Amino acid sequence: DNPLLDQAMDAFKQASHLERSLKRSESAVSKQTKELKTELAKAKATAKRTGQSAYFRKEENLDKALMRDAERETRRDKRLVAQAETEMKGDKKFLEQAYHISDRDLR
């Protein structure tokens, strides 16, 4: 039993779980952003047909603000995923070199 090895393996597994969670979050936000853009286009066409352009512009501004927030969150999640992947590669390399731990052992 090596407490340092156990700690390193636990840290790697936690980072792996975090990376998967971040990827799911980024994917979900991207999907919501696409849906919002689609809905916005439909609403714009409807507003034009029904003569509610002034009301639509207010709603459009709110929707655009939501999209900016979602896109900002997506960019942040992508950065965090990339950072987690980089850290995990370093941790994995350390475990392989120092303790001869394989991928199979890290699952």
PDB file of N, CA and C in Angstrom:
ATOM      1  N   ASP A   1       0.845  -1.206   0.000  1.00  0.00           N
ATOM      2  CA  ASP A   1       0.000   0.000   0.000  1.00  0.00           C
ATOM      3  C   ASP A   1       0.875   1.249   0.000  1.00  0.00           C
ATOM      4  N   ASN A   2       0.584   2.111  -0.934  1.00  0.00           N
ATOM      5  CA  ASN A   2       1.334   3.353  -1.067  1.00  0.00           C
ATOM      6  C   ASN A   2       0.331   4.505  -1.008  1.00  0.00           C
ATOM      7  N   PRO A   3       0.331   5.260   0.089  1.00  0.00           N
ATOM      8  CA  PRO A   3      -0.664   6.349   0.230  1.00  0.00           C
ATOM      9  C   PRO A   3      -0.552   7.397  -0.879  1.00  0.00           C
ATOM     10  N   LEU A   4       0.660   7.673  -1.344  1.00  0.00           N
ATOM     11  CA  LEU A   4       0.833   8.660  -2.411  1.00  0.00           C
ATOM     12  C   LEU A   4       0.219   8.153  -3.716  1.00  0.00           C
ATOM     13  N   LEU A   5       0.419   6.888  -3.988  1.00  0.00           N
ATOM     14  CA  LEU A   5      -0.173   6.281  -5.183  1.00  0.00           C
ATOM     15  C   LEU A   5      -1.692   6.296  -5.096  1.00  0.00           C
ATOM     16  N   ASP A   6      -2.214   5.908  -3.943  1.00  0.00           N
ATOM     17  CA  ASP A   6      -3.671   5.912  -3.754  1.00  0.00           C
ATOM     18  C   ASP A   6      -4.241   7.309  -3.950  1.00  0.00           C
ATOM     19  N   GLN A   7      -3.546   8.307  -3.400  1.00  0.00           N
ATOM     20  CA  GLN A   7      -3.997   9.696  -3.522  1.00  0.00           C
ATOM     21  C   GLN A   7      -3.951  10.140  -4.989  1.00  0.00           C
ATOM     22  N   ALA A   8      -2.877   9.783  -5.689  1.00  0.00           N
ATOM     23  CA  ALA A   8      -2.752  10.172  -7.096  1.00  0.00           C
ATOM     24  C   ALA A   8      -3.825   9.505  -7.945  1.00  0.00           C
ATOM     25  N   MET A   9      -4.095   8.240  -7.686  1.00  0.00           N
ATOM     26  CA  MET A   9      -5.128   7.544  -8.457  1.00  0.00           C
ATOM     27  C   MET A   9      -6.511   8.116  -8.164  1.00  0.00           C
ATOM     28  N   ASP A  10      -6.777   8.434  -6.908  1.00  0.00           N
ATOM     29  CA  ASP A  10      -8.062   9.059  -6.559  1.00  0.00           C
ATOM     30  C   ASP A  10      -8.216  10.405  -7.259  1.00  0.00           C
ATOM     31  N   ALA A  11      -7.153  11.195  -7.265  1.00  0.00           N
ATOM     32  CA  ALA A  11      -7.193  12.505  -7.919  1.00  0.00           C
ATOM     33  C   ALA A  11      -7.459  12.344  -9.416  1.00  0.00           C
ATOM     34  N   PHE A  12      -6.813  11.365 -10.022  1.00  0.00           N
ATOM     35  CA  PHE A  12      -7.020  11.127 -11.451  1.00  0.00           C
ATOM     36  C   PHE A  12      -8.469  10.731 -11.729  1.00  0.00           C
ATOM     37  N   LYS A  13      -8.998   9.842 -10.920  1.00  0.00           N
ATOM     38  CA  LYS A  13     -10.385   9.405 -11.118  1.00  0.00           C
ATOM     39  C   LYS A  13     -11.363  10.565 -10.929  1.00  0.00           C
ATOM     40  N   GLN A  14     -11.107  11.427  -9.943  1.00  0.00           N
ATOM     41  CA  GLN A  14     -11.974  12.590  -9.724  1.00  0.00           C
ATOM     42  C   GLN A  14     -11.903  13.528 -10.923  1.00  0.00           C
ATOM     43  N   ALA A  15     -10.700  13.754 -11.440  1.00  0.00           N
ATOM     44  CA  ALA A  15     -10.541  14.622 -12.613  1.00  0.00           C
ATOM     45  C   ALA A  15     -11.260  14.030 -13.816  1.00  0.00           C
ATOM     46  N   SER A  16     -11.205  12.730 -13.951  1.00  0.00           N
ATOM     47  CA  SER A  16     -11.882  12.059 -15.055  1.00  0.00           C
ATOM     48  C   SER A  16     -13.396  12.252 -14.962  1.00  0.00           C
ATOM     49  N   HIS A  17     -13.940  12.107 -13.770  1.00  0.00           N
ATOM     50  CA  HIS A  17     -15.381  12.326 -13.578  1.00  0.00           C
ATOM     51  C   HIS A  17     -15.744  13.782 -13.866  1.00  0.00           C
ATOM     52  N   LEU A  18     -14.915  14.706 -13.415  1.00  0.00           N
ATOM     53  CA  LEU A  18     -15.161  16.131 -13.653  1.00  0.00           C
ATOM     54  C   LEU A  18     -15.138  16.427 -15.149  1.00  0.00           C
ATOM     55  N   GLU A  19     -14.175  15.857 -15.846  1.00  0.00           N
ATOM     56  CA  GLU A  19     -14.084  16.076 -17.286  1.00  0.00           C
ATOM     57  C   GLU A  19     -15.350  15.597 -17.985  1.00  0.00           C
ATOM     58  N   ARG A  20     -15.839  14.427 -17.636  1.00  0.00           N
ATOM     59  CA  ARG A  20     -17.062  13.907 -18.261  1.00  0.00           C
ATOM     60  C   ARG A  20     -18.254  14.820 -17.958  1.00  0.00           C
ATOM     61  N   SER A  21     -18.340  15.304 -16.726  1.00  0.00           N
ATOM     62  CA  SER A  21     -19.437  16.209 -16.362  1.00  0.00           C
ATOM     63  C   SER A  21     -19.364  17.501 -17.157  1.00  0.00           C
ATOM     64  N   LEU A  22     -18.160  18.035 -17.302  1.00  0.00           N
ATOM     65  CA  LEU A  22     -17.992  19.275 -18.051  1.00  0.00           C
ATOM     66  C   LEU A  22     -18.359  19.078 -19.525  1.00  0.00           C
ATOM     67  N   LYS A  23     -17.980  17.938 -20.093  1.00  0.00           N
ATOM     68  CA  LYS A  23     -18.325  17.668 -21.486  1.00  0.00           C
ATOM     69  C   LYS A  23     -19.838  17.587 -21.656  1.00  0.00           C
ATOM     70  N   ARG A  24     -20.518  16.940 -20.708  1.00  0.00           N
ATOM     71  CA  ARG A  24     -21.989  16.856 -20.794  1.00  0.00           C
ATOM     72  C   ARG A  24     -22.606  18.247 -20.679  1.00  0.00           C
ATOM     73  N   SER A  25     -22.086  19.055 -19.778  1.00  0.00           N
ATOM     74  CA  SER A  25     -22.601  20.409 -19.599  1.00  0.00           C
ATOM     75  C   SER A  25     -22.406  21.235 -20.860  1.00  0.00           C
ATOM     76  N   GLU A  26     -21.207  21.177 -21.431  1.00  0.00           N
ATOM     77  CA  GLU A  26     -20.908  21.932 -22.643  1.00  0.00           C
ATOM     78  C   GLU A  26     -21.820  21.500 -23.774  1.00  0.00           C
ATOM     79  N   SER A  27     -22.038  20.217 -23.891  1.00  0.00           N
ATOM     80  CA  SER A  27     -22.908  19.684 -24.941  1.00  0.00           C
ATOM     81  C   SER A  27     -24.347  20.156 -24.750  1.00  0.00           C
ATOM     82  N   ALA A  28     -24.824  20.118 -23.521  1.00  0.00           N
ATOM     83  CA  ALA A  28     -26.198  20.543 -23.232  1.00  0.00           C
ATOM     84  C   ALA A  28     -26.389  22.027 -23.523  1.00  0.00           C
ATOM     85  N   VAL A  29     -25.425  22.840 -23.133  1.00  0.00           N
ATOM     86  CA  VAL A  29     -25.542  24.279 -23.372  1.00  0.00           C
ATOM     87  C   VAL A  29     -25.486  24.574 -24.867  1.00  0.00           C
ATOM     88  N   SER A  30     -24.616  23.873 -25.587  1.00  0.00           N
ATOM     89  CA  SER A  30     -24.551  24.066 -27.043  1.00  0.00           C
ATOM     90  C   SER A  30     -25.890  23.719 -27.693  1.00  0.00           C
ATOM     91  N   LYS A  31     -26.478  22.629 -27.261  1.00  0.00           N
ATOM     92  CA  LYS A  31     -27.771  22.209 -27.808  1.00  0.00           C
ATOM     93  C   LYS A  31     -28.849  23.256 -27.513  1.00  0.00           C
ATOM     94  N   GLN A  32     -28.867  23.775 -26.280  1.00  0.00           N
ATOM     95  CA  GLN A  32     -29.854  24.792 -25.917  1.00  0.00           C
ATOM     96  C   GLN A  32     -29.652  26.058 -26.728  1.00  0.00           C
ATOM     97  N   THR A  33     -28.410  26.426 -26.975  1.00  0.00           N
ATOM     98  CA  THR A  33     -28.122  27.625 -27.762  1.00  0.00           C
ATOM     99  C   THR A  33     -28.650  27.467 -29.182  1.00  0.00           C
ATOM    100  N   LYS A  34     -28.431  26.298 -29.780  1.00  0.00           N
ATOM    101  CA  LYS A  34     -28.937  26.045 -31.130  1.00  0.00           C
ATOM    102  C   LYS A  34     -30.460  26.116 -31.155  1.00  0.00           C
ATOM    103  N   GLU A  35     -31.099  25.515 -30.145  1.00  0.00           N
ATOM    104  CA  GLU A  35     -32.563  25.541 -30.073  1.00  0.00           C
ATOM    105  C   GLU A  35     -33.069  26.967 -29.932  1.00  0.00           C
ATOM    106  N   LEU A  36     -32.400  27.755 -29.118  1.00  0.00           N
ATOM    107  CA  LEU A  36     -32.808  29.144 -28.913  1.00  0.00           C
ATOM    108  C   LEU A  36     -32.681  29.942 -30.205  1.00  0.00           C
ATOM    109  N   LYS A  37     -31.604  29.717 -30.954  1.00  0.00           N
ATOM    110  CA  LYS A  37     -31.439  30.415 -32.232  1.00  0.00           C
ATOM    111  C   LYS A  37     -32.555  30.038 -33.204  1.00  0.00           C
ATOM    112  N   THR A  38     -32.917  28.769 -33.218  1.00  0.00           N
ATOM    113  CA  THR A  38     -34.004  28.305 -34.091  1.00  0.00           C
ATOM    114  C   THR A  38     -35.322  28.961 -33.692  1.00  0.00           C
ATOM    115  N   GLU A  39     -35.611  28.959 -32.413  1.00  0.00           N
ATOM    116  CA  GLU A  39     -36.851  29.575 -31.916  1.00  0.00           C
ATOM    117  C   GLU A  39     -36.880  31.071 -32.214  1.00  0.00           C
ATOM    118  N   LEU A  40     -35.744  31.706 -32.074  1.00  0.00           N
ATOM    119  CA  LEU A  40     -35.654  33.143 -32.340  1.00  0.00           C
ATOM    120  C   LEU A  40     -35.966  33.430 -33.819  1.00  0.00           C
ATOM    121  N   ALA A  41     -35.448  32.623 -34.700  1.00  0.00           N
ATOM    122  CA  ALA A  41     -35.719  32.807 -36.132  1.00  0.00           C
ATOM    123  C   ALA A  41     -37.206  32.608 -36.429  1.00  0.00           C
ATOM    124  N   LYS A  42     -37.815  31.596 -35.817  1.00  0.00           N
ATOM    125  CA  LYS A  42     -39.249  31.352 -36.016  1.00  0.00           C
ATOM    126  C   LYS A  42     -40.072  32.521 -35.480  1.00  0.00           C
ATOM    127  N   ALA A  43     -39.706  32.998 -34.301  1.00  0.00           N
ATOM    128  CA  ALA A  43     -40.452  34.104 -33.693  1.00  0.00           C
ATOM    129  C   ALA A  43     -40.331  35.373 -34.528  1.00  0.00           C
ATOM    130  N   LYS A  44     -39.160  35.588 -35.089  1.00  0.00           N
ATOM    131  CA  LYS A  44     -38.953  36.780 -35.918  1.00  0.00           C
ATOM    132  C   LYS A  44     -39.864  36.732 -37.148  1.00  0.00           C
ATOM    133  N   ALA A  45     -39.954  35.578 -37.761  1.00  0.00           N
ATOM    134  CA  ALA A  45     -40.822  35.427 -38.933  1.00  0.00           C
ATOM    135  C   ALA A  45     -42.284  35.627 -38.555  1.00  0.00           C
ATOM    136  N   THR A  46     -42.685  35.074 -37.422  1.00  0.00           N
ATOM    137  CA  THR A  46     -44.067  35.217 -36.961  1.00  0.00           C
ATOM    138  C   THR A  46     -44.379  36.683 -36.656  1.00  0.00           C
ATOM    139  N   ALA A  47     -43.469  37.371 -35.989  1.00  0.00           N
ATOM    140  CA  ALA A  47     -43.681  38.777 -35.644  1.00  0.00           C
ATOM    141  C   ALA A  47     -43.833  39.634 -36.902  1.00  0.00           C
ATOM    142  N   LYS A  48     -43.057  39.313 -37.891  1.00  0.00           N
ATOM    143  CA  LYS A  48     -43.140  40.057 -39.146  1.00  0.00           C
ATOM    144  C   LYS A  48     -44.506  39.869 -39.798  1.00  0.00           C
ATOM    145  N   ARG A  49     -44.981  38.624 -39.791  1.00  0.00           N
ATOM    146  CA  ARG A  49     -46.287  38.321 -40.403  1.00  0.00           C
ATOM    147  C   ARG A  49     -47.441  38.952 -39.631  1.00  0.00           C
ATOM    148  N   THR A  50     -47.325  39.001 -38.306  1.00  0.00           N
ATOM    149  CA  THR A  50     -48.450  39.474 -37.486  1.00  0.00           C
ATOM    150  C   THR A  50     -48.358  40.954 -37.139  1.00  0.00           C
ATOM    151  N   GLY A  51     -47.287  41.622 -37.556  1.00  0.00           N
ATOM    152  CA  GLY A  51     -47.151  43.049 -37.288  1.00  0.00           C
ATOM    153  C   GLY A  51     -46.785  43.368 -35.848  1.00  0.00           C
ATOM    154  N   GLN A  52     -46.147  42.455 -35.161  1.00  0.00           N
ATOM    155  CA  GLN A  52     -45.757  42.688 -33.762  1.00  0.00           C
ATOM    156  C   GLN A  52     -44.244  42.911 -33.624  1.00  0.00           C
ATOM    157  N   SER A  53     -43.707  43.649 -34.546  1.00  0.00           N
ATOM    158  CA  SER A  53     -42.264  43.825 -34.589  1.00  0.00           C
ATOM    159  C   SER A  53     -41.694  44.522 -33.350  1.00  0.00           C
ATOM    160  N   ALA A  54     -42.399  45.513 -32.824  1.00  0.00           N
ATOM    161  CA  ALA A  54     -41.886  46.234 -31.646  1.00  0.00           C
ATOM    162  C   ALA A  54     -41.772  45.294 -30.447  1.00  0.00           C
ATOM    163  N   TYR A  55     -42.822  44.525 -30.216  1.00  0.00           N
ATOM    164  CA  TYR A  55     -42.804  43.554 -29.112  1.00  0.00           C
ATOM    165  C   TYR A  55     -41.706  42.534 -29.351  1.00  0.00           C
ATOM    166  N   PHE A  56     -41.585  42.105 -30.597  1.00  0.00           N
ATOM    167  CA  PHE A  56     -40.578  41.093 -30.918  1.00  0.00           C
ATOM    168  C   PHE A  56     -39.178  41.606 -30.617  1.00  0.00           C
ATOM    169  N   ARG A  57     -38.910  42.873 -30.946  1.00  0.00           N
ATOM    170  CA  ARG A  57     -37.561  43.417 -30.708  1.00  0.00           C
ATOM    171  C   ARG A  57     -37.187  43.336 -29.235  1.00  0.00           C
ATOM    172  N   LYS A  58     -38.149  43.589 -28.350  1.00  0.00           N
ATOM    173  CA  LYS A  58     -37.872  43.470 -26.905  1.00  0.00           C
ATOM    174  C   LYS A  58     -37.539  42.021 -26.555  1.00  0.00           C
ATOM    175  N   GLU A  59     -38.345  41.107 -27.056  1.00  0.00           N
ATOM    176  CA  GLU A  59     -38.104  39.685 -26.796  1.00  0.00           C
ATOM    177  C   GLU A  59     -36.784  39.232 -27.422  1.00  0.00           C
ATOM    178  N   GLU A  60     -36.517  39.743 -28.615  1.00  0.00           N
ATOM    179  CA  GLU A  60     -35.282  39.373 -29.307  1.00  0.00           C
ATOM    180  C   GLU A  60     -34.064  39.807 -28.498  1.00  0.00           C
ATOM    181  N   ASN A  61     -34.117  41.006 -27.937  1.00  0.00           N
ATOM    182  CA  ASN A  61     -32.990  41.482 -27.128  1.00  0.00           C
ATOM    183  C   ASN A  61     -32.772  40.593 -25.905  1.00  0.00           C
ATOM    184  N   LEU A  62     -33.859  40.168 -25.274  1.00  0.00           N
ATOM    185  CA  LEU A  62     -33.739  39.252 -24.132  1.00  0.00           C
ATOM    186  C   LEU A  62     -33.144  37.917 -24.566  1.00  0.00           C
ATOM    187  N   ASP A  63     -33.636  37.403 -25.692  1.00  0.00           N
ATOM    188  CA  ASP A  63     -33.130  36.128 -26.200  1.00  0.00           C
ATOM    189  C   ASP A  63     -31.655  36.219 -26.592  1.00  0.00           C
ATOM    190  N   LYS A  64     -31.280  37.329 -27.197  1.00  0.00           N
ATOM    191  CA  LYS A  64     -29.875  37.499 -27.574  1.00  0.00           C
ATOM    192  C   LYS A  64     -28.987  37.557 -26.332  1.00  0.00           C
ATOM    193  N   ALA A  65     -29.478  38.190 -25.286  1.00  0.00           N
ATOM    194  CA  ALA A  65     -28.708  38.232 -24.035  1.00  0.00           C
ATOM    195  C   ALA A  65     -28.547  36.817 -23.470  1.00  0.00           C
ATOM    196  N   LEU A  66     -29.617  36.034 -23.531  1.00  0.00           N
ATOM    197  CA  LEU A  66     -29.533  34.642 -23.069  1.00  0.00           C
ATOM    198  C   LEU A  66     -28.548  33.842 -23.915  1.00  0.00           C
ATOM    199  N   MET A  67     -28.565  34.075 -25.217  1.00  0.00           N
ATOM    200  CA  MET A  67     -27.634  33.358 -26.099  1.00  0.00           C
ATOM    201  C   MET A  67     -26.191  33.746 -25.798  1.00  0.00           C
ATOM    202  N   ARG A  68     -25.952  35.027 -25.555  1.00  0.00           N
ATOM    203  CA  ARG A  68     -24.588  35.457 -25.217  1.00  0.00           C
ATOM    204  C   ARG A  68     -24.123  34.776 -23.935  1.00  0.00           C
ATOM    205  N   ASP A  69     -25.018  34.711 -22.946  1.00  0.00           N
ATOM    206  CA  ASP A  69     -24.678  34.033 -21.692  1.00  0.00           C
ATOM    207  C   ASP A  69     -24.386  32.552 -21.933  1.00  0.00           C
ATOM    208  N   ALA A  70     -25.218  31.910 -22.739  1.00  0.00           N
ATOM    209  CA  ALA A  70     -25.028  30.485 -23.026  1.00  0.00           C
ATOM    210  C   ALA A  70     -23.727  30.254 -23.780  1.00  0.00           C
ATOM    211  N   GLU A  71     -23.438  31.117 -24.743  1.00  0.00           N
ATOM    212  CA  GLU A  71     -22.197  30.962 -25.506  1.00  0.00           C
ATOM    213  C   GLU A  71     -20.975  31.203 -24.620  1.00  0.00           C
ATOM    214  N   ARG A  72     -21.075  32.160 -23.707  1.00  0.00           N
ATOM    215  CA  ARG A  72     -19.983  32.427 -22.763  1.00  0.00           C
ATOM    216  C   ARG A  72     -19.768  31.205 -21.864  1.00  0.00           C
ATOM    217  N   GLU A  73     -20.864  30.611 -21.406  1.00  0.00           N
ATOM    218  CA  GLU A  73     -20.775  29.415 -20.564  1.00  0.00           C
ATOM    219  C   GLU A  73     -20.184  28.242 -21.351  1.00  0.00           C
ATOM    220  N   THR A  74     -20.558  28.123 -22.604  1.00  0.00           N
ATOM    221  CA  THR A  74     -20.012  27.053 -23.451  1.00  0.00           C
ATOM    222  C   THR A  74     -18.504  27.234 -23.615  1.00  0.00           C
ATOM    223  N   ARG A  75     -18.073  28.457 -23.892  1.00  0.00           N
ATOM    224  CA  ARG A  75     -16.632  28.712 -24.034  1.00  0.00           C
ATOM    225  C   ARG A  75     -15.889  28.387 -22.742  1.00  0.00           C
ATOM    226  N   ARG A  76     -16.481  28.765 -21.610  1.00  0.00           N
ATOM    227  CA  ARG A  76     -15.862  28.487 -20.315  1.00  0.00           C
ATOM    228  C   ARG A  76     -15.759  26.981 -20.089  1.00  0.00           C
ATOM    229  N   ASP A  77     -16.843  26.269 -20.383  1.00  0.00           N
ATOM    230  CA  ASP A  77     -16.824  24.812 -20.206  1.00  0.00           C
ATOM    231  C   ASP A  77     -15.796  24.162 -21.117  1.00  0.00           C
ATOM    232  N   LYS A  78     -15.680  24.646 -22.354  1.00  0.00           N
ATOM    233  CA  LYS A  78     -14.683  24.087 -23.272  1.00  0.00           C
ATOM    234  C   LYS A  78     -13.271  24.313 -22.735  1.00  0.00           C
ATOM    235  N   ARG A  79     -13.024  25.504 -22.184  1.00  0.00           N
ATOM    236  CA  ARG A  79     -11.700  25.777 -21.595  1.00  0.00           C
ATOM    237  C   ARG A  79     -11.440  24.852 -20.420  1.00  0.00           C
ATOM    238  N   LEU A  80     -12.448  24.653 -19.576  1.00  0.00           N
ATOM    239  CA  LEU A  80     -12.284  23.783 -18.416  1.00  0.00           C
ATOM    240  C   LEU A  80     -12.060  22.331 -18.831  1.00  0.00           C
ATOM    241  N   VAL A  81     -12.762  21.885 -19.875  1.00  0.00           N
ATOM    242  CA  VAL A  81     -12.562  20.524 -20.374  1.00  0.00           C
ATOM    243  C   VAL A  81     -11.135  20.379 -20.893  1.00  0.00           C
ATOM    244  N   ALA A  82     -10.676  21.349 -21.673  1.00  0.00           N
ATOM    245  CA  ALA A  82      -9.309  21.284 -22.208  1.00  0.00           C
ATOM    246  C   ALA A  82      -8.284  21.283 -21.081  1.00  0.00           C
ATOM    247  N   GLN A  83      -8.522  22.113 -20.069  1.00  0.00           N
ATOM    248  CA  GLN A  83      -7.615  22.163 -18.918  1.00  0.00           C
ATOM    249  C   GLN A  83      -7.613  20.825 -18.180  1.00  0.00           C
ATOM    250  N   ALA A  84      -8.788  20.251 -17.970  1.00  0.00           N
ATOM    251  CA  ALA A  84      -8.889  18.966 -17.273  1.00  0.00           C
ATOM    252  C   ALA A  84      -8.182  17.875 -18.062  1.00  0.00           C
ATOM    253  N   GLU A  85      -8.358  17.896 -19.390  1.00  0.00           N
ATOM    254  CA  GLU A  85      -7.698  16.887 -20.225  1.00  0.00           C
ATOM    255  C   GLU A  85      -6.178  17.013 -20.141  1.00  0.00           C
ATOM    256  N   THR A  86      -5.678  18.228 -20.167  1.00  0.00           N
ATOM    257  CA  THR A  86      -4.234  18.453 -20.063  1.00  0.00           C
ATOM    258  C   THR A  86      -3.705  17.961 -18.724  1.00  0.00           C
ATOM    259  N   GLU A  87      -4.407  18.306 -17.659  1.00  0.00           N
ATOM    260  CA  GLU A  87      -3.973  17.873 -16.330  1.00  0.00           C
ATOM    261  C   GLU A  87      -4.030  16.353 -16.200  1.00  0.00           C
ATOM    262  N   MET A  88      -5.064  15.766 -16.768  1.00  0.00           N
ATOM    263  CA  MET A  88      -5.206  14.311 -16.684  1.00  0.00           C
ATOM    264  C   MET A  88      -4.088  13.610 -17.461  1.00  0.00           C
ATOM    265  N   LYS A  89      -3.696  14.166 -18.612  1.00  0.00           N
ATOM    266  CA  LYS A  89      -2.597  13.567 -19.373  1.00  0.00           C
ATOM    267  C   LYS A  89      -1.317  13.586 -18.548  1.00  0.00           C
ATOM    268  N   GLY A  90      -1.062  14.711 -17.879  1.00  0.00           N
ATOM    269  CA  GLY A  90       0.126  14.808 -17.030  1.00  0.00           C
ATOM    270  C   GLY A  90       0.058  13.832 -15.868  1.00  0.00           C
ATOM    271  N   ASP A  91      -1.108  13.751 -15.234  1.00  0.00           N
ATOM    272  CA  ASP A  91      -1.280  12.823 -14.112  1.00  0.00           C
ATOM    273  C   ASP A  91      -1.114  11.379 -14.572  1.00  0.00           C
ATOM    274  N   LYS A  92      -1.693  11.076 -15.731  1.00  0.00           N
ATOM    275  CA  LYS A  92      -1.623   9.717 -16.262  1.00  0.00           C
ATOM    276  C   LYS A  92      -0.173   9.352 -16.574  1.00  0.00           C
ATOM    277  N   LYS A  93       0.545  10.275 -17.193  1.00  0.00           N
ATOM    278  CA  LYS A  93       1.950  10.032 -17.527  1.00  0.00           C
ATOM    279  C   LYS A  93       2.769   9.799 -16.255  1.00  0.00           C
ATOM    280  N   PHE A  94       2.511  10.608 -15.230  1.00  0.00           N
ATOM    281  CA  PHE A  94       3.208  10.439 -13.953  1.00  0.00           C
ATOM    282  C   PHE A  94       2.924   9.061 -13.362  1.00  0.00           C
ATOM    283  N   LEU A  95       1.650   8.669 -13.351  1.00  0.00           N
ATOM    284  CA  LEU A  95       1.281   7.363 -12.788  1.00  0.00           C
ATOM    285  C   LEU A  95       1.913   6.213 -13.579  1.00  0.00           C
ATOM    286  N   GLU A  96       1.950   6.372 -14.897  1.00  0.00           N
ATOM    287  CA  GLU A  96       2.551   5.328 -15.721  1.00  0.00           C
ATOM    288  C   GLU A  96       4.056   5.217 -15.464  1.00  0.00           C
ATOM    289  N   GLN A  97       4.719   6.373 -15.383  1.00  0.00           N
ATOM    290  CA  GLN A  97       6.169   6.365 -15.215  1.00  0.00           C
ATOM    291  C   GLN A  97       6.586   5.998 -13.793  1.00  0.00           C
ATOM    292  N   ALA A  98       5.934   6.593 -12.827  1.00  0.00           N
ATOM    293  CA  ALA A  98       6.362   6.395 -11.442  1.00  0.00           C
ATOM    294  C   ALA A  98       5.898   5.063 -10.864  1.00  0.00           C
ATOM    295  N   TYR A  99       4.701   4.624 -11.275  1.00  0.00           N
ATOM    296  CA  TYR A  99       4.118   3.437 -10.637  1.00  0.00           C
ATOM    297  C   TYR A  99       3.750   2.329 -11.625  1.00  0.00           C
ATOM    298  N   HIS A 100       4.036   2.553 -12.905  1.00  0.00           N
ATOM    299  CA  HIS A 100       3.713   1.559 -13.938  1.00  0.00           C
ATOM    300  C   HIS A 100       2.228   1.192 -13.922  1.00  0.00           C
ATOM    301  N   ILE A 101       1.390   2.241 -13.782  1.00  0.00           N
ATOM    302  CA  ILE A 101      -0.067   2.073 -13.763  1.00  0.00           C
ATOM    303  C   ILE A 101      -0.575   2.161 -15.196  1.00  0.00           C
ATOM    304  N   SER A 102      -1.422   1.245 -15.602  1.00  0.00           N
ATOM    305  CA  SER A 102      -1.956   1.253 -16.975  1.00  0.00           C
ATOM    306  C   SER A 102      -3.347   1.895 -16.987  1.00  0.00           C
ATOM    307  N   ASP A 103      -3.848   2.116 -18.211  1.00  0.00           N
ATOM    308  CA  ASP A 103      -5.203   2.673 -18.374  1.00  0.00           C
ATOM    309  C   ASP A 103      -6.225   1.827 -17.635  1.00  0.00           C
ATOM    310  N   ARG A 104      -6.064   0.523 -17.740  1.00  0.00           N
ATOM    311  CA  ARG A 104      -7.013  -0.406 -17.103  1.00  0.00           C
ATOM    312  C   ARG A 104      -7.076  -0.166 -15.601  1.00  0.00           C
ATOM    313  N   ASP A 105      -5.944   0.142 -14.974  1.00  0.00           N
ATOM    314  CA  ASP A 105      -5.902   0.354 -13.530  1.00  0.00           C
ATOM    315  C   ASP A 105      -6.581   1.666 -13.108  1.00  0.00           C
ATOM    316  N   LEU A 106      -6.726   2.578 -14.061  1.00  0.00           N
ATOM    317  CA  LEU A 106      -7.261   3.905 -13.739  1.00  0.00           C
ATOM    318  C   LEU A 106      -8.778   3.996 -13.903  1.00  0.00           C
ATOM    319  N   ARG A 107      -9.416   2.910 -14.238  1.00  0.00           N
ATOM    320  CA  ARG A 107     -10.877   2.953 -14.445  1.00  0.00           C
ATOM    321  C   ARG A 107     -11.608   2.530 -13.228  1.00  0.00           C
TER     322      ARG A 107
END
